[in-house]
Amino acid sequence: MGLNFRKSINLGKGVRLNIGKKSVGVSAGVKGARVSMNSSGRKTATFSLPGTGLSYTMNLGKKKSSKKKNANENTNEININLILVIIILVLLIIIAGAVYAWYTGLI
């Protein structure tokens, strides 16, 4: 039996930070429609009927070719995606801080 870990943190305004055993990701959307991107390079769109348990998920990234990539290309792709996720997270934190400061009357 394998050990799994998954945590989703609500950042407000339909944005979530998703932390798993193998990657970190960001997702945004509303009930019934959400887009996601994680540090492993996976980009998806999910559509659902809230309250029914029915959903459809589609990959938005490139289709994987039948030929295997070499290890260096995979590492570079993961590093670029991780950098993009980190940049998005930093921007979200800055925006959340500005909204909080405005809401509390600090600015």
Protein backbone atom coordinates (compact mmCIF):
# COMPACT_ATOMS: atom_id res chain seq x y z
CA MET A 1 0.00 0.00 0.00
CA GLY A 2 1.44 3.40 -0.95
CA LEU A 3 1.51 6.53 1.12
CA ASN A 4 -0.19 9.57 -0.43
CA PHE A 5 -0.23 13.24 0.51
CA ARG A 6 -2.38 16.05 -0.86
CA LYS A 7 -3.25 19.46 0.60
CA SER A 8 -5.25 22.25 -1.01
CA ILE A 9 -5.01 25.79 0.39
CA ASN A 10 -7.62 28.35 -0.61
CA LEU A 11 -5.93 31.64 -1.56
CA GLY A 12 -9.24 33.44 -2.22
CA LYS A 13 -11.10 34.55 -5.35
CA GLY A 14 -11.25 31.00 -6.73
CA VAL A 15 -7.48 30.40 -6.55
CA ARG A 16 -6.01 27.39 -4.77
CA LEU A 17 -2.49 26.26 -3.95
CA ASN A 18 -2.31 22.48 -4.29
CA ILE A 19 0.51 20.57 -2.61
CA GLY A 20 1.08 16.91 -3.33
CA LYS A 21 3.73 14.28 -2.72
CA LYS A 22 5.40 14.88 -6.10
CA SER A 23 4.47 18.42 -7.16
CA VAL A 24 3.07 21.83 -6.25
CA GLY A 25 0.44 23.51 -8.37
CA VAL A 26 -1.96 26.38 -8.73
CA SER A 27 -5.55 26.16 -9.86
CA ALA A 28 -8.14 28.84 -10.55
CA GLY A 29 -11.80 28.86 -11.44
CA VAL A 30 -15.32 28.65 -10.15
CA LYS A 31 -17.67 25.82 -9.24
CA GLY A 32 -18.02 23.70 -12.31
CA ALA A 33 -14.93 24.96 -14.19
CA ARG A 34 -11.27 25.05 -13.15
CA VAL A 35 -7.85 25.23 -14.83
CA SER A 36 -4.69 23.92 -13.18
CA MET A 37 -0.94 23.92 -13.65
CA ASN A 38 1.63 22.11 -11.53
CA SER A 39 5.40 21.91 -11.20
CA SER A 40 5.47 18.59 -13.07
CA GLY A 41 4.30 20.43 -16.17
CA ARG A 42 0.75 19.12 -16.18
CA LYS A 43 -1.87 21.61 -17.36
CA THR A 44 -5.52 20.61 -17.12
CA ALA A 45 -9.04 21.95 -17.37
CA THR A 46 -11.79 20.34 -15.31
CA PHE A 47 -15.50 20.74 -15.86
CA SER A 48 -18.04 19.32 -13.41
CA LEU A 49 -21.65 19.29 -12.36
CA PRO A 50 -21.44 20.49 -8.73
CA GLY A 51 -23.07 18.20 -6.21
CA THR A 52 -23.23 15.20 -8.54
CA GLY A 53 -19.67 13.88 -8.39
CA LEU A 54 -19.51 13.93 -12.20
CA SER A 55 -16.56 15.66 -13.81
CA TYR A 56 -14.50 15.70 -17.00
CA THR A 57 -10.78 16.53 -17.03
CA MET A 58 -8.79 17.32 -20.15
CA ASN A 59 -5.06 17.86 -20.60
CA LEU A 60 -4.14 21.27 -22.01
CA GLY A 61 -0.45 20.58 -22.55
CA LYS A 62 1.30 19.05 -25.52
CA LYS A 63 0.53 15.47 -26.36
CA LYS A 64 3.30 13.16 -25.27
CA SER A 65 5.18 11.58 -28.13
CA SER A 66 5.82 7.87 -28.30
CA LYS A 67 9.57 8.51 -28.23
CA LYS A 68 11.06 9.01 -24.80
CA LYS A 69 12.81 12.32 -24.11
CA ASN A 70 16.26 12.21 -22.70
CA ALA A 71 16.69 12.96 -18.99
CA ASN A 72 18.21 16.42 -19.57
CA GLU A 73 15.20 17.67 -21.56
CA ASN A 74 12.80 16.41 -18.87
CA THR A 75 14.80 18.13 -16.13
CA ASN A 76 14.84 21.44 -18.03
CA GLU A 77 11.09 21.25 -18.66
CA ILE A 78 10.37 20.57 -14.97
CA ASN A 79 12.67 23.42 -13.89
CA ILE A 80 10.94 25.91 -16.20
CA ASN A 81 7.50 24.84 -15.01
CA LEU A 82 8.58 25.04 -11.37
CA ILE A 83 9.88 28.57 -11.94
CA LEU A 84 6.55 29.55 -13.53
CA VAL A 85 4.60 28.15 -10.58
CA ILE A 86 6.84 30.00 -8.11
CA ILE A 87 6.42 33.28 -10.03
CA ILE A 88 2.63 32.84 -10.02
CA LEU A 89 2.67 32.12 -6.29
CA VAL A 90 4.77 35.20 -5.52
CA LEU A 91 2.42 37.38 -7.58
CA LEU A 92 -0.60 35.91 -5.81
CA ILE A 93 0.96 36.58 -2.40
CA ILE A 94 1.73 40.19 -3.37
CA ILE A 95 -1.83 40.71 -4.64
CA ALA A 96 -3.31 39.09 -1.51
CA GLY A 97 -1.15 41.36 0.69
CA ALA A 98 -2.24 44.46 -1.21
CA VAL A 99 -5.91 43.48 -0.98
CA TYR A 100 -5.57 42.78 2.74
CA ALA A 101 -3.83 46.13 3.31
CA TRP A 102 -6.55 47.95 1.37
CA TYR A 103 -9.32 46.06 3.17
CA THR A 104 -7.92 46.83 6.63
CA GLY A 105 -7.28 50.48 5.73
CA LEU A 106 -3.49 50.36 5.89
CA ILE A 107 -3.24 52.03 2.47
